[in-house]
Protein backbone atom coordinates (compact mmCIF):
# COMPACT_ATOMS: atom_id res chain seq x y z
CA MET A 1 44.92 21.96 20.09
CA LEU A 2 44.51 25.90 19.13
CA VAL A 3 44.17 25.40 15.20
CA THR A 4 45.46 28.08 12.48
CA ILE A 5 44.97 28.36 9.03
CA SER A 6 48.43 27.52 8.48
CA ASP A 7 47.61 23.90 10.13
CA VAL A 8 44.61 23.42 7.97
CA ARG A 9 46.64 24.07 4.63
CA ARG A 10 49.39 21.84 5.49
CA ALA A 11 46.89 19.13 6.83
CA MET A 12 45.22 19.15 3.41
CA GLU A 13 48.77 19.35 1.83
CA HIS A 14 49.51 16.10 3.49
CA ASP A 15 46.03 14.60 2.71
CA GLU A 16 45.48 14.22 6.56
CA LEU A 17 41.77 14.95 6.06
CA THR A 18 39.34 12.02 5.90
CA PRO A 19 36.23 10.81 6.18
CA CYS A 20 33.75 8.97 8.20
CA PHE A 21 30.50 7.31 7.95
CA GLN A 22 27.48 7.72 10.57
CA PRO A 23 24.39 5.05 10.02
CA VAL A 24 20.99 6.37 9.31
CA ALA A 25 18.22 3.88 10.03
CA GLU A 26 14.80 3.38 9.46
CA LEU A 27 13.30 4.41 13.18
CA HIS A 28 10.41 1.41 12.64
CA THR A 29 12.67 -1.21 11.51
CA GLY A 30 16.06 -0.12 12.59
CA ARG A 31 17.19 -1.16 9.07
CA LEU A 32 20.28 0.92 7.77
CA THR A 33 19.35 3.20 4.81
CA GLY A 34 22.23 5.42 4.43
CA PHE A 35 25.46 7.00 6.34
CA GLU A 36 26.02 10.86 6.35
CA VAL A 37 29.70 11.72 5.50
CA LEU A 38 31.73 13.50 8.35
CA ALA A 39 35.12 15.00 7.71
CA ARG A 40 37.84 14.59 10.22
CA TRP A 41 41.08 15.52 10.33
CA LYS A 42 43.63 12.83 11.26
CA HIS A 43 46.75 14.64 13.07
CA PRO A 44 49.47 12.60 13.04
CA GLU A 45 50.13 13.66 16.97
CA HIS A 46 46.48 14.58 18.44
CA GLY A 47 44.63 12.00 16.46
CA LEU A 48 41.04 12.58 14.85
CA ILE A 49 40.14 16.25 15.21
CA LEU A 50 36.50 17.03 14.89
CA PRO A 51 35.06 19.60 12.00
CA GLU A 52 34.22 22.23 14.28
CA ASN A 53 37.92 23.07 15.07
CA PHE A 54 38.61 23.80 11.28
CA ILE A 55 35.76 23.97 8.92
CA ALA A 56 35.25 27.49 9.89
CA LEU A 57 38.71 28.42 9.00
CA ALA A 58 38.79 26.94 5.92
CA GLU A 59 35.32 28.78 4.63
CA GLU A 60 36.60 31.97 6.01
CA ASN A 61 40.23 31.67 3.87
CA GLY A 62 38.54 30.28 0.62
CA LEU A 63 39.32 26.35 1.25
CA ILE A 64 36.28 24.96 1.49
CA GLU A 65 35.88 23.85 -1.95
CA ALA A 66 39.26 21.95 -1.82
CA LEU A 67 38.26 20.54 1.46
CA MET A 68 35.05 19.04 0.43
CA HIS A 69 36.55 17.94 -2.78
CA GLN A 70 39.13 15.53 -0.57
CA ILE A 71 36.44 14.59 1.92
CA LEU A 72 33.91 13.54 -1.24
CA ARG A 73 36.81 12.05 -3.51
CA LYS A 74 37.72 9.39 -0.37
CA ALA A 75 34.06 8.63 0.87
CA LEU A 76 33.36 8.04 -2.44
CA LEU A 77 36.11 5.32 -2.75
CA ALA A 78 34.31 3.45 -0.29
CA ALA A 79 31.03 3.10 -3.03
CA PRO A 80 31.98 -0.48 -3.74
CA LEU A 81 31.36 -1.11 0.14
CA LEU A 82 27.47 0.08 0.09
CA PRO A 83 24.92 -1.96 -1.24
CA ASP A 84 22.06 -0.57 -3.55
CA PRO A 85 20.17 1.22 -2.21
CA VAL A 86 22.07 2.51 0.80
CA SER A 87 23.06 6.18 0.28
CA LEU A 88 25.63 8.56 1.36
CA ALA A 89 24.77 12.33 2.98
CA VAL A 90 27.59 15.10 2.21
CA ASN A 91 27.24 18.44 3.99
CA ILE A 92 27.62 21.54 1.71
CA SER A 93 28.79 24.96 3.21
CA ALA A 94 26.79 28.27 2.24
CA THR A 95 29.61 29.36 0.08
CA GLN A 96 29.44 26.06 -1.98
CA LEU A 97 25.87 26.27 -2.26
CA HIS A 98 26.28 29.58 -4.65
CA ASP A 99 29.44 28.08 -6.50
CA PRO A 100 27.91 27.53 -10.00
CA LYS A 101 30.47 24.80 -10.13
CA LEU A 102 29.23 22.63 -7.73
CA PRO A 103 27.14 20.44 -9.73
CA SER A 104 29.57 19.62 -12.15
CA GLN A 105 32.18 18.73 -9.58
CA ILE A 106 30.10 16.29 -7.66
CA LEU A 107 28.66 14.84 -11.48
CA GLU A 108 32.62 14.45 -11.86
CA LEU A 109 33.60 12.43 -8.40
CA THR A 110 30.22 10.51 -8.61
CA ALA A 111 31.03 9.55 -12.25
CA LYS A 112 34.63 8.76 -11.53
CA ALA A 113 33.59 6.32 -8.16
CA GLY A 114 30.64 4.70 -10.17
CA PHE A 115 28.28 5.97 -7.85
CA SER A 116 25.31 7.09 -8.96
CA PRO A 117 24.23 10.63 -8.00
CA THR A 118 20.68 9.37 -7.09
CA ARG A 119 22.08 7.93 -4.07
CA LEU A 120 23.66 11.20 -2.99
CA ILE A 121 22.35 13.23 -0.35
CA VAL A 122 23.43 17.05 -0.61
CA GLU A 123 22.70 18.59 3.11
CA VAL A 124 22.57 22.33 3.64
CA THR A 125 21.98 24.28 6.65
CA GLU A 126 19.25 27.09 6.95
CA SER A 127 21.71 29.80 6.99
CA ALA A 128 22.84 28.90 3.51
CA LEU A 129 19.34 29.57 2.13
CA LEU A 130 19.98 33.70 3.36
CA ILE A 131 22.36 34.88 1.17
CA ASP A 132 21.19 34.85 -2.42
CA LEU A 133 18.00 32.38 -2.94
CA GLN A 134 17.81 32.57 -6.67
CA GLN A 135 21.42 31.63 -7.14
CA THR A 136 20.55 28.68 -4.44
CA GLN A 137 17.30 27.38 -6.19
CA LYS A 138 19.39 27.49 -9.53
CA ILE A 139 22.17 24.81 -8.42
CA ALA A 140 19.57 23.31 -6.31
CA SER A 141 17.49 22.41 -9.16
CA GLU A 142 20.54 21.04 -11.46
CA LEU A 143 21.27 19.01 -8.01
CA LYS A 144 18.09 17.44 -8.35
CA ALA A 145 18.19 17.34 -11.93
CA MET A 146 21.29 14.76 -11.76
CA GLY A 147 19.17 12.73 -9.64
CA CYS A 148 20.41 13.93 -6.25
CA GLY A 149 18.30 14.25 -2.73
CA LEU A 150 18.25 17.49 -0.91
CA ALA A 151 18.51 17.95 2.97
CA LEU A 152 17.52 20.58 5.24
CA ASP A 153 20.02 20.24 7.88
CA ASP A 154 19.84 21.20 11.86
CA PHE A 155 16.13 22.14 10.79
CA GLY A 156 14.82 24.75 13.88
CA THR A 157 17.79 26.55 14.45
CA GLY A 158 17.75 28.92 11.32
CA TYR A 159 15.75 31.51 10.08
CA SER A 160 14.71 29.77 6.96
CA SER A 161 10.91 30.31 5.67
CA LEU A 162 8.27 28.10 4.38
CA GLY A 163 8.81 29.62 1.01
CA HIS A 164 12.69 28.08 1.12
CA LEU A 165 11.43 25.02 1.52
CA GLN A 166 9.08 25.12 -1.38
CA ALA A 167 11.26 27.00 -3.53
CA LEU A 168 14.29 24.49 -3.06
CA SER A 169 12.04 20.92 -3.38
CA PHE A 170 13.79 19.67 -0.11
CA ASN A 171 13.59 15.99 0.02
CA GLU A 172 14.17 15.40 3.74
CA LEU A 173 14.04 18.38 7.01
CA LYS A 174 16.43 16.87 9.81
CA ILE A 175 15.96 17.85 12.83
CA ASP A 176 18.21 19.51 14.76
CA ARG A 177 19.77 17.15 17.91
CA SER A 178 19.28 19.91 20.71
CA PHE A 179 15.50 19.22 20.44
CA ILE A 180 15.98 15.31 20.42
CA ALA A 181 17.94 15.54 23.29
CA THR A 182 15.62 17.14 25.56
CA MET A 183 12.33 15.95 24.07
CA THR A 184 11.94 13.15 26.63
CA ASN A 185 12.10 15.87 29.54
CA LYS A 186 11.04 19.30 28.29
CA ARG A 187 7.66 19.75 27.18
CA GLU A 188 8.65 22.15 24.63
CA SER A 189 11.13 20.54 22.92
CA ARG A 190 8.29 17.30 22.50
CA LYS A 191 5.91 20.18 20.83
CA ILE A 192 8.63 21.72 18.47
CA VAL A 193 9.57 18.31 17.13
CA ALA A 194 6.08 17.28 16.68
CA ALA A 195 5.39 20.40 14.77
CA ILE A 196 8.51 19.61 12.35
CA ILE A 197 7.42 16.37 11.88
CA GLY A 198 3.84 17.45 10.91
CA LEU A 199 5.12 20.31 8.81
CA GLY A 200 7.32 17.15 7.12
CA HIS A 201 4.28 15.15 6.86
CA SER A 202 2.19 17.76 5.13
CA LEU A 203 5.06 18.94 2.80
CA GLY A 204 5.56 14.98 1.82
CA LEU A 205 9.13 15.46 3.28
CA ILE A 206 11.14 12.34 5.29
CA THR A 207 12.13 13.89 8.84
CA VAL A 208 15.61 12.52 10.10
CA ALA A 209 15.93 13.06 13.71
CA GLU A 210 19.41 13.61 14.48
CA GLY A 211 21.27 13.02 17.73
CA VAL A 212 19.13 9.89 18.96
CA GLU A 213 21.27 8.37 21.81
CA THR A 214 18.34 6.37 23.70
CA GLU A 215 15.44 4.02 23.31
CA GLU A 216 13.26 6.50 24.92
CA GLN A 217 13.94 9.20 22.28
CA ALA A 218 13.38 6.47 19.38
CA ASP A 219 10.29 5.05 21.00
CA MET A 220 8.72 8.78 21.14
CA LEU A 221 10.35 9.46 17.55
CA ARG A 222 8.76 6.39 16.17
CA TRP A 223 5.20 7.39 17.95
CA LEU A 224 5.37 11.00 17.04
CA GLY A 225 5.51 9.77 13.18
CA CYS A 226 9.49 10.61 12.34
CA GLY A 227 10.75 8.31 9.58
CA MET A 228 14.54 8.18 10.05
CA GLY A 229 17.29 8.38 13.10
CA GLN A 230 20.64 9.14 13.35
CA GLY A 231 22.91 9.11 16.25
CA TRP A 232 25.02 6.66 18.75
CA LEU A 233 22.02 4.53 19.24
CA TYR A 234 22.27 3.47 15.44
CA GLY A 235 26.37 3.82 15.59
CA ARG A 236 28.64 6.26 16.00
CA PRO A 237 31.05 7.47 13.04
CA VAL A 238 33.08 4.70 11.56
CA THR A 239 36.02 4.99 9.64
CA ALA A 240 35.55 3.20 6.12
CA ASP A 241 37.16 -0.30 6.85
CA LYS A 242 34.77 -0.60 9.07
CA ILE A 243 31.66 -0.20 6.95
CA PRO A 244 31.02 -3.95 5.67
CA ALA A 245 30.82 -5.22 9.53
CA LEU A 246 28.31 -2.69 10.02
CA VAL A 247 26.49 -3.17 6.98
CA ALA A 248 26.31 -6.76 7.38
CA SER A 249 24.92 -6.05 10.75
CA LYS A 250 22.29 -3.67 10.21
CA LEU A 251 20.89 -4.49 7.00
CA LEU A 252 19.89 -8.04 8.64
CA GLU A 253 19.12 -6.42 11.79
CA ALA A 254 15.65 -7.49 13.27
CA PRO A 255 12.69 -4.88 13.85
CA PRO A 256 13.26 -3.37 16.99
CA VAL A 257 10.53 -4.21 20.00
CA TRP A 258 8.69 -0.73 21.06
CA SER A 259 5.58 -0.26 22.32
CA ALA A 260 3.33 3.11 23.34
CA PRO A 261 4.80 5.89 24.90
CA GLY A 262 4.69 5.38 29.03
CA ASP A 263 2.98 7.36 31.79
CA GLY A 264 6.01 9.73 31.80
CA TRP A 265 5.41 11.23 28.47
CA ALA A 266 2.14 9.97 27.34
CA VAL A 267 0.59 13.47 26.92
CA SER A 268 3.39 13.86 23.72
CA SER A 269 0.94 11.89 21.27
CA LEU A 270 -1.72 13.97 22.37
CA GLU A 271 0.10 17.39 21.56
CA ALA A 272 1.52 15.19 18.54
CA LEU A 273 -1.37 13.99 16.27
CA PRO A 274 -3.48 17.18 15.79
CA THR A 275 -0.28 18.86 15.67
CA GLN A 276 0.35 16.95 12.39
CA ARG A 277 -3.45 16.69 11.29
CA LEU A 278 -3.51 20.47 11.39
CA ALA A 279 -0.75 21.00 9.78
CA GLN A 280 -1.58 18.67 6.51
CA LEU A 281 -5.27 20.22 7.13
CA GLN A 282 -3.66 23.94 6.59
CA ALA A 283 -1.57 23.06 3.75
CA ILE A 284 -5.15 22.11 2.22
CA TYR A 285 -6.74 25.00 3.01
CA ASP A 286 -4.31 27.31 1.67
CA GLY A 287 -5.48 26.04 -1.78
CA ALA A 288 -9.03 25.08 -1.40
CA PRO A 289 -11.71 26.69 -3.72
CA VAL A 290 -14.13 25.53 -1.31
CA GLY A 291 -15.01 25.99 2.36
CA LEU A 292 -13.50 23.65 4.60
CA CYS A 293 -13.20 23.39 8.30
CA PHE A 294 -12.14 20.82 11.40
CA LEU A 295 -15.27 20.60 14.26
CA ASP A 296 -14.48 18.94 17.64
CA CYS A 297 -17.04 16.17 18.93
CA SER A 298 -19.50 18.96 20.05
CA LEU A 299 -19.53 20.49 16.54
CA ARG A 300 -17.27 23.23 17.52
CA TYR A 301 -14.92 25.41 15.07
CA VAL A 302 -11.22 24.05 15.80
CA SER A 303 -9.85 25.34 12.26
CA LEU A 304 -11.14 26.49 9.24
CA ASN A 305 -9.86 28.10 5.83
CA GLN A 306 -10.51 31.82 4.75
CA LYS A 307 -13.03 30.42 2.28
CA LEU A 308 -15.77 29.22 4.80
CA ALA A 309 -15.13 32.31 6.85
CA GLU A 310 -16.14 34.45 4.10
CA MET A 311 -19.02 32.02 2.86
CA ASN A 312 -20.50 32.62 6.94
CA GLY A 313 -19.71 36.33 6.72
CA ALA A 314 -17.58 36.61 9.92
CA SER A 315 -13.89 36.14 10.47
CA VAL A 316 -11.71 33.22 11.20
CA SER A 317 -11.29 33.98 14.62
CA ALA A 318 -14.99 34.75 15.18
CA HIS A 319 -15.83 31.16 14.48
CA LEU A 320 -12.98 29.47 16.78
CA GLY A 321 -14.73 27.64 19.46
CA LYS A 322 -18.18 28.35 18.73
CA THR A 323 -20.68 25.74 17.18
CA VAL A 324 -22.07 25.37 13.95
CA GLN A 325 -25.53 26.34 15.39
CA GLN A 326 -24.52 29.74 16.67
CA MET A 327 -22.09 30.78 13.65
């Protein structure tokens, strides 16, 4: 179906936009922790239409605020079906993230639904951070003050910097599904996923893997230290009437049986663990007032901070691979 802006306006006028809910689970236990709210268009002739067919049109024509309001209002009607502390995550566009009315709108909707803002996670994409960081930071601070969580969606595919992560005080990093889809057979994807998880650990952020479809992917993510998973393995998006049955099954689900990586990708653990450790060490190095280093079993320098390099009278690169005695 070729969608026009007139079709989108008509859909909104006839209240045809509806939320669907995709489960987010704790990787190590399989326990349901929340749902992501996904916009769907319930077309009278063509059935459910996916957001990629109408969200961009709404943004380009100034309808995204009204669209989000309609979806979030309906999603919060399902709030009584969600036991505390199960959360709801909602996607916010770049345009909305720069709208000063956004925090008050969200507060009004959650108050009407009797749903605590502390159980609401606002998801933004990396592109939203590039328009006006100062305004974004102001609105993000207001959302955090209300108790909302903040997640950076599709991480690894955009252009955000580490400064953005620090400035906006994110709670979660969501790893883009494109890396998850290829991580079991593509070493480069494994390295990227391991690096993002290591970065999340070093900054104290929860990491959420998107698009988890197989047990092999889930096992690898657990082994790499990822916290949460979302994808068809844990459940496809469902309408509100399906939530009670899904909640009942997922909250009582036994922890999954999983094992260490098999021969096919055992090297990933060897790649990931040093990556995580070095990411954590680097965060400590940057602000340390003392010289710090990481040595291998032969007492060769693997990593060190600038402070130690200055104390030894040589550059950081001059140390790497050399023994303590040599330096």
